[in-house]
Amino acid sequence: MVLEVENKIKKFLINNIVPLFMILVIILTIPVSGLSMEYIIQEIILRLSRNLFLVLSLLIPIIAGMGLNFGIVLGAMAGQLALILITDWQIVGLQGFFLAIILSLPLGALMGVIGGVVLNRAKGREMITSMILGFFINGVYQLIVLYGMGKIIPITDESILLSRGYGIRNAIDLKNIRRALDDGIILQIGNFSIPILTIIAIVLFCLFIIWFRKTKLGQDMRAIGQDLEVAKSAGIAVDSTRVIAIVISTMLAAIGQIIFLQNIGTMNTYNSHEQIGMFSIAALLIGGASVAKASIPNALSGVILFHAMFILAPRAGKELIGSAQIGEYFRVFVSYGIIALVLIMHQWRREKEKAEERRKALELVQNSGRGEDK
């Protein structure tokens, strides 16, 4: 009995080492930072509404056994292209926001098809392949934005063009749709402002994920995620289902990037999308997700913990050492370190499972051999 309890505690600690570490860091940095709980909670509400949609877009490829989709940056680029167009057309408010989403969806679907086809050629190595694919498509995106827009793609608003007459400026003011969704309906509870429309969009997305898992397509993806060869033997169209998973994830990431940027109010044309994949994945993993398993609670708790660290680390660094930059370095260190730790633990678990399977197979052979001797 005692051994069983010890094993359960050990398993719990191994499975939740990352969120437990983050909770400890946050508890230690809250008093050091000197920030009030009111300020911290309001900032977390703001960052939840800004980032959660992007993090949730990672879940469907994990269901399909494709691991952490670093390729959501493809969707982010699709969203940014749509934002450039609606800024040029001077469409404002919620109309501009929803038009940007409509324009981003076919672009995101195209990016997703490209990503899905490439990842089908790299089964078992989807994560590193999606990361490298993101770098490649980023080059194409920059070529289009820097040389194509204003030359091949007509841009009439000279304020977003470079002085040479073509190419988009490094920073674009999204004043036409700044906080269009967030400020649509605001619920004021005491000193806390809650963006109701954004929360509704996130809740609808969560309900979509719950519903999607129960559909035939969702069940097929789960079967593929559990065992690709068995799913293929059962008659599931493995390759096309995996492509659909990436297409859905990329389209949702495009919407998530538009929600993110309307909240910020400005867009760095050439850099806004670059860290989206890394930070979203770090947030999901901090919430207790793994390469093979992730859920909505993992995404929610991960965004809260990750962005609590974003709020507290620079201030704690300034109070302790006199430099907020120390907190920034710590934040980046944790982001990359968490991803590395989870990938190492995933590989360790796989090796452990394989060793256990080999041991069981050997025992079976030995037992059958004893039976024949008798």
Foldseek 3Di string as FASTA:
>chain_A
DVVVVVVVVVVVCLLQVLLVVLVVVLVVLVVLLVDDPVVLVQLLLLLCLQQLLLLLLQALLLLLQLFGQLLLLQLLLLLLVLLLVLVLVLAAFPVSLVSSLVSSLVSLLVSLLVLLVQQVVVPPPSHVSNNVVSVVVLVVSQCCQAPVDQPVNDGDPCVQADPVRGHGDQKDFSQRLQCRQQVVDWDDDPPHTHRVSSVVVSVVSQVVVVVCCPDPLNVLSNVSSVPVVVSVVVVDPSSVSSSVSSSSSNSSSSSSSSSNCSHVRMDRNSPRSNCSSLLSVLLLVSLSAARNGGHSSSSSSSSSSLVSLVVRQLSSCCSPPVGSVRSVVVSVCSSVVSVVVRVVSVVVVVVVVVVVVVVVVVVVVVVVVVVVVD
